[in-house]
C-alpha atoms as a PDB file:
ATOM      1  CA  MET A   1     -27.249   8.583   3.100  1.00  0.00           C
ATOM      2  CA  SER A   2     -28.025   6.662  -0.018  1.00  0.00           C
ATOM      3  CA  ALA A   3     -27.994   2.888  -0.252  1.00  0.00           C
ATOM      4  CA  ARG A   4     -25.251   3.114  -2.891  1.00  0.00           C
ATOM      5  CA  PHE A   5     -22.976   5.009  -0.519  1.00  0.00           C
ATOM      6  CA  LEU A   6     -23.641   2.496   2.255  1.00  0.00           C
ATOM      7  CA  HIS A   7     -22.858  -0.354  -0.168  1.00  0.00           C
ATOM      8  CA  LEU A   8     -19.606   1.410  -0.997  1.00  0.00           C
ATOM      9  CA  LEU A   9     -18.715   1.674   2.701  1.00  0.00           C
ATOM     10  CA  LEU A  10     -19.723  -1.923   3.381  1.00  0.00           C
ATOM     11  CA  GLY A  11     -17.703  -3.162   0.417  1.00  0.00           C
ATOM     12  CA  THR A  12     -14.668  -1.209   1.583  1.00  0.00           C
ATOM     13  CA  TYR A  13     -15.061  -2.652   5.087  1.00  0.00           C
ATOM     14  CA  LEU A  14     -15.223  -6.193   3.715  1.00  0.00           C
ATOM     15  CA  ALA A  15     -12.207  -5.669   1.470  1.00  0.00           C
ATOM     16  CA  VAL A  16      -9.991  -4.575   4.370  1.00  0.00           C
ATOM     17  CA  ALA A  17     -11.529  -6.545   7.273  1.00  0.00           C
ATOM     18  CA  GLY A  18      -9.237  -9.534   6.789  1.00  0.00           C
ATOM     19  CA  VAL A  19      -6.191  -7.318   7.155  1.00  0.00           C
ATOM     20  CA  PHE A  20      -7.290  -5.733  10.422  1.00  0.00           C
ATOM     21  CA  PHE A  21      -8.795  -8.785  12.094  1.00  0.00           C
ATOM     22  CA  ALA A  22      -6.049 -11.358  12.567  1.00  0.00           C
ATOM     23  CA  GLY A  23      -8.543 -14.154  13.323  1.00  0.00           C
ATOM     24  CA  PHE A  24      -9.792 -14.421   9.737  1.00  0.00           C
ATOM     25  CA  ASP A  25      -8.642 -17.600   7.990  1.00  0.00           C
ATOM     26  CA  SER A  26      -7.554 -17.581   4.355  1.00  0.00           C
ATOM     27  CA  ALA A  27     -10.982 -18.612   2.972  1.00  0.00           C
ATOM     28  CA  ALA A  28     -12.714 -15.821   4.887  1.00  0.00           C
ATOM     29  CA  ARG A  29     -10.082 -13.270   3.910  1.00  0.00           C
ATOM     30  CA  LEU A  30     -10.234 -14.145   0.212  1.00  0.00           C
ATOM     31  CA  ASN A  31     -14.041 -14.260   0.147  1.00  0.00           C
ATOM     32  CA  ASP A  32     -14.378 -10.936   1.951  1.00  0.00           C
ATOM     33  CA  THR A  33     -11.833  -9.253  -0.303  1.00  0.00           C
ATOM     34  CA  VAL A  34     -13.488 -10.445  -3.524  1.00  0.00           C
ATOM     35  CA  VAL A  35     -17.067  -9.730  -2.393  1.00  0.00           C
ATOM     36  CA  GLY A  36     -16.052  -6.397  -0.845  1.00  0.00           C
ATOM     37  CA  LEU A  37     -14.276  -5.178  -3.958  1.00  0.00           C
ATOM     38  CA  ALA A  38     -17.163  -6.317  -6.161  1.00  0.00           C
ATOM     39  CA  SER A  39     -19.694  -4.558  -3.942  1.00  0.00           C
ATOM     40  CA  ALA A  40     -17.694  -1.331  -3.790  1.00  0.00           C
ATOM     41  CA  LEU A  41     -17.096  -1.332  -7.546  1.00  0.00           C
ATOM     42  CA  LEU A  42     -20.762  -1.984  -8.296  1.00  0.00           C
ATOM     43  CA  ALA A  43     -21.825   0.750  -5.890  1.00  0.00           C
ATOM     44  CA  ALA A  44     -19.439   3.193  -7.567  1.00  0.00           C
ATOM     45  CA  VAL A  45     -20.864   2.568 -11.051  1.00  0.00           C
ATOM     46  CA  ALA A  46     -24.471   1.918 -10.005  1.00  0.00           C
ATOM     47  CA  THR A  47     -25.782   5.043 -11.712  1.00  0.00           C
ATOM     48  CA  HIS A  48     -24.809   3.641 -15.115  1.00  0.00           C
ATOM     49  CA  ILE A  49     -25.779  -0.017 -14.729  1.00  0.00           C
ATOM     50  CA  ARG A  50     -29.297  -1.319 -14.304  1.00  0.00           C
ATOM     51  CA  GLY A  51     -29.899  -4.274 -12.022  1.00  0.00           C
ATOM     52  CA  VAL A  52     -27.092  -3.598  -9.556  1.00  0.00           C
ATOM     53  CA  ARG A  53     -29.557  -4.002  -6.695  1.00  0.00           C
ATOM     54  CA  ARG A  54     -30.111  -7.625  -7.738  1.00  0.00           C
ATOM     55  CA  VAL A  55     -26.377  -8.297  -7.763  1.00  0.00           C
ATOM     56  CA  HIS A  56     -26.068  -6.793  -4.286  1.00  0.00           C
ATOM     57  CA  SER A  57     -28.941  -9.051  -3.167  1.00  0.00           C
ATOM     58  CA  VAL A  58     -27.028 -12.096  -4.417  1.00  0.00           C
ATOM     59  CA  LEU A  59     -23.774 -10.902  -2.805  1.00  0.00           C
ATOM     60  CA  GLY A  60     -25.590 -10.308   0.497  1.00  0.00           C
ATOM     61  CA  ALA A  61     -27.151 -13.765   0.434  1.00  0.00           C
ATOM     62  CA  TRP A  62     -23.758 -15.280  -0.384  1.00  0.00           C
ATOM     63  CA  LEU A  63     -22.165 -13.483   2.562  1.00  0.00           C
ATOM     64  CA  VAL A  64     -24.743 -15.020   4.891  1.00  0.00           C
ATOM     65  CA  LEU A  65     -24.155 -18.522   3.483  1.00  0.00           C
ATOM     66  CA  ALA A  66     -20.380 -18.335   2.880  1.00  0.00           C
ATOM     67  CA  PRO A  67     -19.211 -19.023   6.457  1.00  0.00           C
ATOM     68  CA  PHE A  68     -21.124 -22.302   6.443  1.00  0.00           C
ATOM     69  CA  VAL A  69     -20.354 -23.310   2.853  1.00  0.00           C
ATOM     70  CA  LEU A  70     -16.635 -22.478   3.099  1.00  0.00           C
ATOM     71  CA  GLY A  71     -16.306 -23.627   6.730  1.00  0.00           C
ATOM     72  CA  TYR A  72     -14.792 -20.569   8.378  1.00  0.00           C
ATOM     73  CA  ASP A  73     -12.663 -21.332  11.431  1.00  0.00           C
ATOM     74  CA  SER A  74     -13.080 -17.922  13.033  1.00  0.00           C
ATOM     75  CA  GLY A  75     -16.229 -16.971  14.898  1.00  0.00           C
ATOM     76  CA  LEU A  76     -15.431 -13.298  14.298  1.00  0.00           C
ATOM     77  CA  ALA A  77     -15.229 -13.831  10.527  1.00  0.00           C
ATOM     78  CA  ARG A  78     -18.484 -15.791  10.621  1.00  0.00           C
ATOM     79  CA  LEU A  79     -20.270 -13.059  12.590  1.00  0.00           C
ATOM     80  CA  SER A  80     -18.823 -10.299  10.418  1.00  0.00           C
ATOM     81  CA  ASP A  81     -19.941 -11.933   7.179  1.00  0.00           C
ATOM     82  CA  VAL A  82     -23.428 -12.838   8.387  1.00  0.00           C
ATOM     83  CA  LEU A  83     -24.085  -9.315   9.684  1.00  0.00           C
ATOM     84  CA  ALA A  84     -22.575  -7.676   6.586  1.00  0.00           C
ATOM     85  CA  GLY A  85     -24.617  -9.987   4.366  1.00  0.00           C
ATOM     86  CA  ILE A  86     -27.862  -9.142   6.132  1.00  0.00           C
ATOM     87  CA  VAL A  87     -27.138  -5.405   5.894  1.00  0.00           C
ATOM     88  CA  MET A  88     -26.152  -5.711   2.218  1.00  0.00           C
ATOM     89  CA  PHE A  89     -29.294  -7.690   1.398  1.00  0.00           C
ATOM     90  CA  VAL A  90     -31.593  -5.259   3.212  1.00  0.00           C
ATOM     91  CA  LEU A  91     -29.907  -2.265   1.553  1.00  0.00           C
ATOM     92  CA  SER A  92     -30.411  -3.883  -1.842  1.00  0.00           C
ATOM     93  CA  LEU A  93     -34.167  -3.830  -1.238  1.00  0.00           C
ATOM     94  CA  ILE A  94     -34.189  -0.036  -0.912  1.00  0.00           C
ATOM     95  CA  PRO A  95     -35.053   1.558  -4.254  1.00  0.00           C
ATOM     96  CA  THR A  96     -32.658   4.114  -5.664  1.00  0.00           C
ATOM     97  CA  VAL A  97     -33.837   7.589  -4.818  1.00  0.00           C
ATOM     98  CA  GLY A  98     -33.041  10.424  -7.136  1.00  0.00           C
ATOM     99  CA  ARG A  99     -32.305  10.770 -10.772  1.00  0.00           C
ATOM    100  CA  HIS A 100     -30.933   7.934 -12.859  1.00  0.00           C
ATOM    101  CA  VAL A 101     -28.112   9.081 -15.108  1.00  0.00           C
ATOM    102  CA  PRO A 102     -28.419   7.240 -18.424  1.00  0.00           C
ATOM    103  CA  ALA A 103     -25.227   5.903 -19.942  1.00  0.00           C
ATOM    104  CA  GLY A 104     -25.998   7.524 -23.273  1.00  0.00           C
ATOM    105  CA  PRO A 105     -24.103   7.082 -26.519  1.00  0.00           C
ATOM    106  CA  GLY A 106     -20.829   8.441 -25.154  1.00  0.00           C
ATOM    107  CA  PRO A 107     -18.535  11.262 -26.254  1.00  0.00           C
ATOM    108  CA  PHE A 108     -17.397   9.536 -29.455  1.00  0.00           C
ATOM    109  CA  ALA A 109     -20.838   8.833 -30.925  1.00  0.00           C
ATOM    110  CA  ARG A 110     -21.597  10.405 -34.268  1.00  0.00           C
ATOM    111  CA  ALA A 111     -23.992  13.285 -34.292  1.00  0.00           C
ATOM    112  CA  ARG A 112     -27.323  12.469 -35.882  1.00  0.00           C
ATOM    113  CA  ARG A 113     -28.193  14.481 -38.954  1.00  0.00           C
END
């Protein structure tokens, strides 16, 4: 499994975790939804954007710090975010394996003569 796919799964988990775990307070739910959607979106377009690994590193570090900065009430939300943040950060350290697909000029670029 590639790190991008695991980031996509982790982002999806974060985006829906607040819905399935009733103990999440509103700060935890909002933070997880925003970070999860951002992570999943970045993982989906990672082949066309350079530096996505750095953004995932920042998101992972934020997930570790967020329960303490935002003052989560739920121990489950705190544990979930810290573990997800550690996994996201570690995954961001894994280099992309395989071929990078360049964005290129696009389908509407003029042909060079």
